[in-house]
Amino acid sequence: NDVAPALVFNPIPVGFEFEQKREAFAVEALKNVKLPA
């Protein structure tokens, strides 16, 4: 089952441009979280 066909699907249309800039992933860390009773 892990042998894939030699044809690989490409979803990228003509004219599509990848975002070039790479930024750090960030999610705000929560403060004052307490273990519930």
PDB file of all heavy atoms in Angstrom:
ATOM      1  N   ASN A   1       0.809  -1.215   0.000  1.00  0.00           N
ATOM      2  CA  ASN A   1       0.000   0.000   0.000  1.00  0.00           C
ATOM      3  C   ASN A   1       0.847   1.273   0.000  1.00  0.00           C
ATOM      4  O   ASN A   1       0.396   2.332  -0.438  1.00  0.00           O
ATOM      5  CB  ASN A   1      -0.935  -0.009   1.218  1.00  0.00           C
ATOM      6  CG  ASN A   1      -1.868   1.174   1.259  1.00  0.00           C
ATOM      7  OD1 ASN A   1      -1.578   2.169   1.906  1.00  0.00           O
ATOM      8  ND2 ASN A   1      -2.994   1.075   0.559  1.00  0.00           N
ATOM      9  N   ASP A   2       2.090   1.191   0.463  1.00  0.00           N
ATOM     10  CA  ASP A   2       2.928   2.388   0.564  1.00  0.00           C
ATOM     11  C   ASP A   2       3.641   2.737  -0.737  1.00  0.00           C
ATOM     12  O   ASP A   2       4.344   3.743  -0.804  1.00  0.00           O
ATOM     13  CB  ASP A   2       3.952   2.229   1.685  1.00  0.00           C
ATOM     14  CG  ASP A   2       4.903   1.059   1.446  1.00  0.00           C
ATOM     15  OD1 ASP A   2       4.469   0.068   0.842  1.00  0.00           O
ATOM     16  OD2 ASP A   2       6.059   1.138   1.878  1.00  0.00           O
ATOM     17  N   VAL A   3       3.462   1.930  -1.791  1.00  0.00           N
ATOM     18  CA  VAL A   3       4.086   2.233  -3.081  1.00  0.00           C
ATOM     19  C   VAL A   3       3.156   3.159  -3.862  1.00  0.00           C
ATOM     20  O   VAL A   3       2.069   2.756  -4.268  1.00  0.00           O
ATOM     21  CB  VAL A   3       4.365   0.949  -3.891  1.00  0.00           C
ATOM     22  CG1 VAL A   3       4.994   1.317  -5.239  1.00  0.00           C
ATOM     23  CG2 VAL A   3       5.287   0.017  -3.109  1.00  0.00           C
ATOM     24  N   ALA A   4       3.583   4.396  -4.052  1.00  0.00           N
ATOM     25  CA  ALA A   4       2.753   5.396  -4.728  1.00  0.00           C
ATOM     26  C   ALA A   4       2.991   5.366  -6.236  1.00  0.00           C
ATOM     27  O   ALA A   4       4.051   4.939  -6.695  1.00  0.00           O
ATOM     28  CB  ALA A   4       3.067   6.787  -4.183  1.00  0.00           C
ATOM     29  N   PRO A   5       2.028   5.814  -7.024  1.00  0.00           N
ATOM     30  CA  PRO A   5       2.241   5.917  -8.477  1.00  0.00           C
ATOM     31  C   PRO A   5       3.345   6.919  -8.793  1.00  0.00           C
ATOM     32  O   PRO A   5       3.640   7.827  -8.000  1.00  0.00           O
ATOM     33  CB  PRO A   5       0.887   6.424  -8.993  1.00  0.00           C
ATOM     34  CG  PRO A   5      -0.093   6.138  -7.909  1.00  0.00           C
ATOM     35  CD  PRO A   5       0.670   6.223  -6.636  1.00  0.00           C
ATOM     36  N   ALA A   6       3.930   6.785  -9.963  1.00  0.00           N
ATOM     37  CA  ALA A   6       4.983   7.706 -10.381  1.00  0.00           C
ATOM     38  C   ALA A   6       4.428   9.093 -10.701  1.00  0.00           C
ATOM     39  O   ALA A   6       5.173  10.068 -10.769  1.00  0.00           O
ATOM     40  CB  ALA A   6       5.718   7.141 -11.593  1.00  0.00           C
ATOM     41  N   LEU A   7       3.127   9.189 -10.916  1.00  0.00           N
ATOM     42  CA  LEU A   7       2.486  10.476 -11.164  1.00  0.00           C
ATOM     43  C   LEU A   7       2.136  11.129  -9.831  1.00  0.00           C
ATOM     44  O   LEU A   7       1.418  10.549  -9.024  1.00  0.00           O
ATOM     45  CB  LEU A   7       1.218  10.284 -12.003  1.00  0.00           C
ATOM     46  CG  LEU A   7       1.403   9.612 -13.370  1.00  0.00           C
ATOM     47  CD1 LEU A   7       0.044   9.377 -14.017  1.00  0.00           C
ATOM     48  CD2 LEU A   7       2.281  10.456 -14.268  1.00  0.00           C
ATOM     49  N   VAL A   8       2.633  12.330  -9.583  1.00  0.00           N
ATOM     50  CA  VAL A   8       2.408  13.023  -8.312  1.00  0.00           C
ATOM     51  C   VAL A   8       1.491  14.222  -8.543  1.00  0.00           C
ATOM     52  O   VAL A   8       1.784  15.100  -9.365  1.00  0.00           O
ATOM     53  CB  VAL A   8       3.744  13.495  -7.688  1.00  0.00           C
ATOM     54  CG1 VAL A   8       3.496  14.218  -6.373  1.00  0.00           C
ATOM     55  CG2 VAL A   8       4.675  12.304  -7.481  1.00  0.00           C
ATOM     56  N   PHE A   9       0.388  14.267  -7.826  1.00  0.00           N
ATOM     57  CA  PHE A   9      -0.579  15.359  -7.971  1.00  0.00           C
ATOM     58  C   PHE A   9       0.028  16.672  -7.491  1.00  0.00           C
ATOM     59  O   PHE A   9       0.655  16.742  -6.430  1.00  0.00           O
ATOM     60  CB  PHE A   9      -1.845  15.049  -7.174  1.00  0.00           C
ATOM     61  CG  PHE A   9      -2.816  16.192  -7.134  1.00  0.00           C
ATOM     62  CD1 PHE A   9      -3.453  16.621  -8.288  1.00  0.00           C
ATOM     63  CD2 PHE A   9      -3.108  16.839  -5.937  1.00  0.00           C
ATOM     64  CE1 PHE A   9      -4.350  17.681  -8.264  1.00  0.00           C
ATOM     65  CE2 PHE A   9      -4.008  17.893  -5.898  1.00  0.00           C
ATOM     66  CZ  PHE A   9      -4.629  18.312  -7.057  1.00  0.00           C
ATOM     67  N   ASN A  10      -0.196  17.718  -8.261  1.00  0.00           N
ATOM     68  CA  ASN A  10       0.295  19.052  -7.912  1.00  0.00           C
ATOM     69  C   ASN A  10      -0.882  20.020  -7.903  1.00  0.00           C
ATOM     70  O   ASN A  10      -1.475  20.286  -8.954  1.00  0.00           O
ATOM     71  CB  ASN A  10       1.343  19.508  -8.929  1.00  0.00           C
ATOM     72  CG  ASN A  10       1.967  20.851  -8.563  1.00  0.00           C
ATOM     73  OD1 ASN A  10       1.610  21.463  -7.566  1.00  0.00           O
ATOM     74  ND2 ASN A  10       2.895  21.304  -9.382  1.00  0.00           N
ATOM     75  N   PRO A  11      -1.245  20.570  -6.731  1.00  0.00           N
ATOM     76  CA  PRO A  11      -2.411  21.456  -6.662  1.00  0.00           C
ATOM     77  C   PRO A  11      -2.108  22.908  -7.027  1.00  0.00           C
ATOM     78  O   PRO A  11      -3.007  23.749  -6.971  1.00  0.00           O
ATOM     79  CB  PRO A  11      -2.797  21.354  -5.180  1.00  0.00           C
ATOM     80  CG  PRO A  11      -1.479  21.206  -4.478  1.00  0.00           C
ATOM     81  CD  PRO A  11      -0.635  20.358  -5.405  1.00  0.00           C
ATOM     82  N   ILE A  12      -0.877  23.206  -7.403  1.00  0.00           N
ATOM     83  CA  ILE A  12      -0.475  24.600  -7.595  1.00  0.00           C
ATOM     84  C   ILE A  12      -0.866  25.086  -8.988  1.00  0.00           C
ATOM     85  O   ILE A  12      -0.430  24.534  -9.995  1.00  0.00           O
ATOM     86  CB  ILE A  12       1.043  24.755  -7.391  1.00  0.00           C
ATOM     87  CG1 ILE A  12       1.416  24.322  -5.973  1.00  0.00           C
ATOM     88  CG2 ILE A  12       1.481  26.195  -7.631  1.00  0.00           C
ATOM     89  CD1 ILE A  12       2.890  24.268  -5.707  1.00  0.00           C
ATOM     90  N   PRO A  13      -1.688  26.138  -9.069  1.00  0.00           N
ATOM     91  CA  PRO A  13      -2.111  26.656 -10.372  1.00  0.00           C
ATOM     92  C   PRO A  13      -1.041  27.545 -11.006  1.00  0.00           C
ATOM     93  O   PRO A  13      -0.123  28.029 -10.327  1.00  0.00           O
ATOM     94  CB  PRO A  13      -3.362  27.478 -10.023  1.00  0.00           C
ATOM     95  CG  PRO A  13      -3.126  27.923  -8.608  1.00  0.00           C
ATOM     96  CD  PRO A  13      -2.343  26.826  -7.950  1.00  0.00           C
ATOM     97  N   VAL A  14      -1.179  27.772 -12.290  1.00  0.00           N
ATOM     98  CA  VAL A  14      -0.303  28.708 -12.979  1.00  0.00           C
ATOM     99  C   VAL A  14      -0.501  30.096 -12.368  1.00  0.00           C
ATOM    100  O   VAL A  14      -1.628  30.540 -12.147  1.00  0.00           O
ATOM    101  CB  VAL A  14      -0.627  28.739 -14.491  1.00  0.00           C
ATOM    102  CG1 VAL A  14       0.195  29.809 -15.198  1.00  0.00           C
ATOM    103  CG2 VAL A  14      -0.382  27.376 -15.105  1.00  0.00           C
ATOM    104  N   GLY A  15       0.599  30.752 -12.073  1.00  0.00           N
ATOM    105  CA  GLY A  15       0.511  32.090 -11.495  1.00  0.00           C
ATOM    106  C   GLY A  15       0.553  32.138  -9.980  1.00  0.00           C
ATOM    107  O   GLY A  15       0.633  33.221  -9.389  1.00  0.00           O
ATOM    108  N   PHE A  16       0.493  30.973  -9.337  1.00  0.00           N
ATOM    109  CA  PHE A  16       0.529  30.949  -7.867  1.00  0.00           C
ATOM    110  C   PHE A  16       1.933  31.289  -7.372  1.00  0.00           C
ATOM    111  O   PHE A  16       2.934  30.831  -7.929  1.00  0.00           O
ATOM    112  CB  PHE A  16       0.120  29.573  -7.342  1.00  0.00           C
ATOM    113  CG  PHE A  16       0.157  29.446  -5.847  1.00  0.00           C
ATOM    114  CD1 PHE A  16      -0.918  29.864  -5.086  1.00  0.00           C
ATOM    115  CD2 PHE A  16       1.268  28.929  -5.198  1.00  0.00           C
ATOM    116  CE1 PHE A  16      -0.899  29.760  -3.709  1.00  0.00           C
ATOM    117  CE2 PHE A  16       1.304  28.811  -3.824  1.00  0.00           C
ATOM    118  CZ  PHE A  16       0.217  29.233  -3.072  1.00  0.00           C
ATOM    119  N   GLU A  17       1.998  32.083  -6.324  1.00  0.00           N
ATOM    120  CA  GLU A  17       3.283  32.448  -5.725  1.00  0.00           C
ATOM    121  C   GLU A  17       3.278  32.069  -4.255  1.00  0.00           C
ATOM    122  O   GLU A  17       2.376  32.449  -3.511  1.00  0.00           O
ATOM    123  CB  GLU A  17       3.557  33.943  -5.889  1.00  0.00           C
ATOM    124  CG  GLU A  17       3.749  34.389  -7.336  1.00  0.00           C
ATOM    125  CD  GLU A  17       4.081  35.866  -7.451  1.00  0.00           C
ATOM    126  OE1 GLU A  17       4.183  36.540  -6.397  1.00  0.00           O
ATOM    127  OE2 GLU A  17       4.220  36.358  -8.593  1.00  0.00           O
ATOM    128  N   PHE A  18       4.301  31.320  -3.853  1.00  0.00           N
ATOM    129  CA  PHE A  18       4.445  30.977  -2.439  1.00  0.00           C
ATOM    130  C   PHE A  18       4.859  32.221  -1.647  1.00  0.00           C
ATOM    131  O   PHE A  18       5.588  33.086  -2.142  1.00  0.00           O
ATOM    132  CB  PHE A  18       5.523  29.904  -2.256  1.00  0.00           C
ATOM    133  CG  PHE A  18       5.072  28.521  -2.597  1.00  0.00           C
ATOM    134  CD1 PHE A  18       5.379  27.964  -3.830  1.00  0.00           C
ATOM    135  CD2 PHE A  18       4.341  27.760  -1.694  1.00  0.00           C
ATOM    136  CE1 PHE A  18       4.973  26.688  -4.162  1.00  0.00           C
ATOM    137  CE2 PHE A  18       3.928  26.484  -2.015  1.00  0.00           C
ATOM    138  CZ  PHE A  18       4.241  25.940  -3.246  1.00  0.00           C
ATOM    139  N   GLU A  19       4.395  32.267  -0.407  1.00  0.00           N
ATOM    140  CA  GLU A  19       4.868  33.295   0.503  1.00  0.00           C
ATOM    141  C   GLU A  19       6.353  33.063   0.754  1.00  0.00           C
ATOM    142  O   GLU A  19       6.787  31.947   1.037  1.00  0.00           O
ATOM    143  CB  GLU A  19       4.080  33.219   1.818  1.00  0.00           C
ATOM    144  CG  GLU A  19       4.324  34.365   2.762  1.00  0.00           C
ATOM    145  CD  GLU A  19       3.391  34.314   3.967  1.00  0.00           C
ATOM    146  OE1 GLU A  19       2.573  33.387   4.050  1.00  0.00           O
ATOM    147  OE2 GLU A  19       3.489  35.215   4.830  1.00  0.00           O
ATOM    148  N   GLN A  20       7.152  34.100   0.621  1.00  0.00           N
ATOM    149  CA  GLN A  20       8.594  33.958   0.745  1.00  0.00           C
ATOM    150  C   GLN A  20       9.107  34.205   2.164  1.00  0.00           C
ATOM    151  O   GLN A  20      10.036  33.552   2.625  1.00  0.00           O
ATOM    152  CB  GLN A  20       9.295  34.931  -0.213  1.00  0.00           C
ATOM    153  CG  GLN A  20       8.985  34.665  -1.676  1.00  0.00           C
ATOM    154  CD  GLN A  20       9.424  33.280  -2.120  1.00  0.00           C
ATOM    155  OE1 GLN A  20      10.537  32.843  -1.841  1.00  0.00           O
ATOM    156  NE2 GLN A  20       8.515  32.574  -2.817  1.00  0.00           N
ATOM    157  N   LYS A  21       8.477  35.127   2.861  1.00  0.00           N
ATOM    158  CA  LYS A  21       8.951  35.488   4.187  1.00  0.00           C
ATOM    159  C   LYS A  21       8.608  34.410   5.208  1.00  0.00           C
ATOM    160  O   LYS A  21       7.502  33.856   5.206  1.00  0.00           O
ATOM    161  CB  LYS A  21       8.311  36.813   4.609  1.00  0.00           C
ATOM    162  CG  LYS A  21       8.855  37.382   5.909  1.00  0.00           C
ATOM    163  CD  LYS A  21       8.204  38.732   6.203  1.00  0.00           C
ATOM    164  CE  LYS A  21       8.755  39.338   7.480  1.00  0.00           C
ATOM    165  NZ  LYS A  21       8.104  40.647   7.792  1.00  0.00           N
ATOM    166  N   ARG A  22       9.553  34.084   6.045  1.00  0.00           N
ATOM    167  CA  ARG A  22       9.324  33.113   7.117  1.00  0.00           C
ATOM    168  C   ARG A  22       9.387  33.817   8.461  1.00  0.00           C
ATOM    169  O   ARG A  22      10.370  34.494   8.767  1.00  0.00           O
ATOM    170  CB  ARG A  22      10.350  31.977   7.056  1.00  0.00           C
ATOM    171  CG  ARG A  22      10.188  31.088   5.825  1.00  0.00           C
ATOM    172  CD  ARG A  22      11.201  29.955   5.813  1.00  0.00           C
ATOM    173  NE  ARG A  22      11.062  29.141   4.617  1.00  0.00           N
ATOM    174  CZ  ARG A  22      10.301  28.068   4.503  1.00  0.00           C
ATOM    175  NH1 ARG A  22       9.605  27.647   5.552  1.00  0.00           N
ATOM    176  NH2 ARG A  22      10.233  27.395   3.365  1.00  0.00           N
ATOM    177  N   GLU A  23       8.340  33.643   9.237  1.00  0.00           N
ATOM    178  CA  GLU A  23       8.254  34.260  10.553  1.00  0.00           C
ATOM    179  C   GLU A  23       8.117  33.190  11.620  1.00  0.00           C
ATOM    180  O   GLU A  23       7.664  32.074  11.350  1.00  0.00           O
ATOM    181  CB  GLU A  23       7.054  35.215  10.605  1.00  0.00           C
ATOM    182  CG  GLU A  23       7.114  36.327   9.575  1.00  0.00           C
ATOM    183  CD  GLU A  23       5.835  37.165   9.568  1.00  0.00           C
ATOM    184  OE1 GLU A  23       4.883  36.808  10.305  1.00  0.00           O
ATOM    185  OE2 GLU A  23       5.800  38.162   8.827  1.00  0.00           O
ATOM    186  N   ALA A  24       8.501  33.535  12.823  1.00  0.00           N
ATOM    187  CA  ALA A  24       8.435  32.579  13.927  1.00  0.00           C
ATOM    188  C   ALA A  24       6.987  32.297  14.303  1.00  0.00           C
ATOM    189  O   ALA A  24       6.152  33.209  14.328  1.00  0.00           O
ATOM    190  CB  ALA A  24       9.191  33.118  15.137  1.00  0.00           C
ATOM    191  N   PHE A  25       6.707  31.037  14.551  1.00  0.00           N
ATOM    192  CA  PHE A  25       5.384  30.657  15.059  1.00  0.00           C
ATOM    193  C   PHE A  25       5.241  31.188  16.473  1.00  0.00           C
ATOM    194  O   PHE A  25       6.170  31.108  17.286  1.00  0.00           O
ATOM    195  CB  PHE A  25       5.245  29.134  15.065  1.00  0.00           C
ATOM    196  CG  PHE A  25       3.966  28.636  15.666  1.00  0.00           C
ATOM    197  CD1 PHE A  25       2.810  28.580  14.912  1.00  0.00           C
ATOM    198  CD2 PHE A  25       3.917  28.217  16.985  1.00  0.00           C
ATOM    199  CE1 PHE A  25       1.615  28.129  15.460  1.00  0.00           C
ATOM    200  CE2 PHE A  25       2.735  27.748  17.545  1.00  0.00           C
ATOM    201  CZ  PHE A  25       1.574  27.710  16.780  1.00  0.00           C
ATOM    202  N   ALA A  26       4.069  31.733  16.776  1.00  0.00           N
ATOM    203  CA  ALA A  26       3.874  32.275  18.121  1.00  0.00           C
ATOM    204  C   ALA A  26       2.428  32.151  18.559  1.00  0.00           C
ATOM    205  O   ALA A  26       1.511  32.557  17.842  1.00  0.00           O
ATOM    206  CB  ALA A  26       4.307  33.743  18.180  1.00  0.00           C
ATOM    207  N   VAL A  27       2.246  31.565  19.722  1.00  0.00           N
ATOM    208  CA  VAL A  27       0.962  31.526  20.417  1.00  0.00           C
ATOM    209  C   VAL A  27       1.228  32.035  21.818  1.00  0.00           C
ATOM    210  O   VAL A  27       2.195  31.620  22.471  1.00  0.00           O
ATOM    211  CB  VAL A  27       0.384  30.093  20.463  1.00  0.00           C
ATOM    212  CG1 VAL A  27      -0.828  30.031  21.378  1.00  0.00           C
ATOM    213  CG2 VAL A  27       0.011  29.628  19.069  1.00  0.00           C
ATOM    214  N   GLU A  28       0.390  32.928  22.270  1.00  0.00           N
ATOM    215  CA  GLU A  28       0.620  33.530  23.577  1.00  0.00           C
ATOM    216  C   GLU A  28       0.510  32.493  24.688  1.00  0.00           C
ATOM    217  O   GLU A  28      -0.492  31.782  24.801  1.00  0.00           O
ATOM    218  CB  GLU A  28      -0.393  34.644  23.822  1.00  0.00           C
ATOM    219  CG  GLU A  28      -0.139  35.415  25.113  1.00  0.00           C
ATOM    220  CD  GLU A  28      -1.095  36.570  25.304  1.00  0.00           C
ATOM    221  OE1 GLU A  28      -1.922  36.813  24.390  1.00  0.00           O
ATOM    222  OE2 GLU A  28      -1.034  37.224  26.356  1.00  0.00           O
ATOM    223  N   ALA A  29       1.576  32.393  25.489  1.00  0.00           N
ATOM    224  CA  ALA A  29       1.563  31.482  26.634  1.00  0.00           C
ATOM    225  C   ALA A  29       0.635  32.034  27.708  1.00  0.00           C
ATOM    226  O   ALA A  29       0.654  33.230  28.012  1.00  0.00           O
ATOM    227  CB  ALA A  29       2.971  31.310  27.184  1.00  0.00           C
ATOM    228  N   LEU A  30      -0.194  31.176  28.261  1.00  0.00           N
ATOM    229  CA  LEU A  30      -1.151  31.608  29.276  1.00  0.00           C
ATOM    230  C   LEU A  30      -0.487  31.739  30.631  1.00  0.00           C
ATOM    231  O   LEU A  30       0.392  30.962  31.001  1.00  0.00           O
ATOM    232  CB  LEU A  30      -2.309  30.609  29.355  1.00  0.00           C
ATOM    233  CG  LEU A  30      -3.134  30.432  28.078  1.00  0.00           C
ATOM    234  CD1 LEU A  30      -4.248  29.421  28.306  1.00  0.00           C
ATOM    235  CD2 LEU A  30      -3.720  31.758  27.612  1.00  0.00           C
ATOM    236  N   LYS A  31      -0.931  32.738  31.364  1.00  0.00           N
ATOM    237  CA  LYS A  31      -0.431  32.951  32.720  1.00  0.00           C
ATOM    238  C   LYS A  31      -1.576  32.716  33.716  1.00  0.00           C
ATOM    239  O   LYS A  31      -2.748  32.779  33.367  1.00  0.00           O
ATOM    240  CB  LYS A  31       0.122  34.369  32.872  1.00  0.00           C
ATOM    241  CG  LYS A  31       1.282  34.686  31.933  1.00  0.00           C
ATOM    242  CD  LYS A  31       1.733  36.132  32.085  1.00  0.00           C
ATOM    243  CE  LYS A  31       2.865  36.457  31.122  1.00  0.00           C
ATOM    244  NZ  LYS A  31       3.292  37.874  31.236  1.00  0.00           N
ATOM    245  N   ASN A  32      -1.199  32.444  34.921  1.00  0.00           N
ATOM    246  CA  ASN A  32      -2.166  32.293  36.014  1.00  0.00           C
ATOM    247  C   ASN A  32      -3.165  31.152  35.785  1.00  0.00           C
ATOM    248  O   ASN A  32      -4.315  31.223  36.231  1.00  0.00           O
ATOM    249  CB  ASN A  32      -2.938  33.598  36.251  1.00  0.00           C
ATOM    250  CG  ASN A  32      -2.012  34.761  36.566  1.00  0.00           C
ATOM    251  OD1 ASN A  32      -1.054  34.601  37.334  1.00  0.00           O
ATOM    252  ND2 ASN A  32      -2.274  35.906  35.969  1.00  0.00           N
ATOM    253  N   VAL A  33      -2.739  30.117  35.071  1.00  0.00           N
ATOM    254  CA  VAL A  33      -3.578  28.928  34.922  1.00  0.00           C
ATOM    255  C   VAL A  33      -3.391  28.064  36.162  1.00  0.00           C
ATOM    256  O   VAL A  33      -2.265  27.742  36.544  1.00  0.00           O
ATOM    257  CB  VAL A  33      -3.204  28.130  33.660  1.00  0.00           C
ATOM    258  CG1 VAL A  33      -4.060  26.870  33.559  1.00  0.00           C
ATOM    259  CG2 VAL A  33      -3.373  28.997  32.423  1.00  0.00           C
ATOM    260  N   LYS A  34      -4.479  27.720  36.788  1.00  0.00           N
ATOM    261  CA  LYS A  34      -4.416  26.936  38.023  1.00  0.00           C
ATOM    262  C   LYS A  34      -5.027  25.552  37.819  1.00  0.00           C
ATOM    263  O   LYS A  34      -5.963  25.385  37.037  1.00  0.00           O
ATOM    264  CB  LYS A  34      -5.165  27.659  39.150  1.00  0.00           C
ATOM    265  CG  LYS A  34      -4.609  29.054  39.473  1.00  0.00           C
ATOM    266  CD  LYS A  34      -3.165  28.974  39.968  1.00  0.00           C
ATOM    267  CE  LYS A  34      -2.631  30.363  40.334  1.00  0.00           C
ATOM    268  NZ  LYS A  34      -1.203  30.301  40.728  1.00  0.00           N
ATOM    269  N   LEU A  35      -4.496  24.604  38.526  1.00  0.00           N
ATOM    270  CA  LEU A  35      -5.045  23.257  38.508  1.00  0.00           C
ATOM    271  C   LEU A  35      -6.455  23.295  39.094  1.00  0.00           C
ATOM    272  O   LEU A  35      -6.646  23.818  40.207  1.00  0.00           O
ATOM    273  CB  LEU A  35      -4.150  22.326  39.332  1.00  0.00           C
ATOM    274  CG  LEU A  35      -4.358  20.824  39.154  1.00  0.00           C
ATOM    275  CD1 LEU A  35      -3.986  20.398  37.744  1.00  0.00           C
ATOM    276  CD2 LEU A  35      -3.515  20.064  40.176  1.00  0.00           C
ATOM    277  N   PRO A  36      -7.463  22.802  38.402  1.00  0.00           N
ATOM    278  CA  PRO A  36      -8.835  22.908  38.904  1.00  0.00           C
ATOM    279  C   PRO A  36      -9.045  22.032  40.141  1.00  0.00           C
ATOM    280  O   PRO A  36      -8.434  20.964  40.277  1.00  0.00           O
ATOM    281  CB  PRO A  36      -9.678  22.418  37.729  1.00  0.00           C
ATOM    282  CG  PRO A  36      -8.771  21.501  36.978  1.00  0.00           C
ATOM    283  CD  PRO A  36      -7.398  22.081  37.109  1.00  0.00           C
ATOM    284  N   ALA A  37      -9.910  22.502  41.027  1.00  0.00           N
ATOM    285  CA  ALA A  37     -10.235  21.717  42.226  1.00  0.00           C
ATOM    286  C   ALA A  37     -10.865  20.386  41.818  1.00  0.00           C
ATOM    287  O   ALA A  37     -10.606  19.348  42.419  1.00  0.00           O
ATOM    288  CB  ALA A  37     -11.176  22.520  43.126  1.00  0.00           C
TER     289      ALA A  37
END
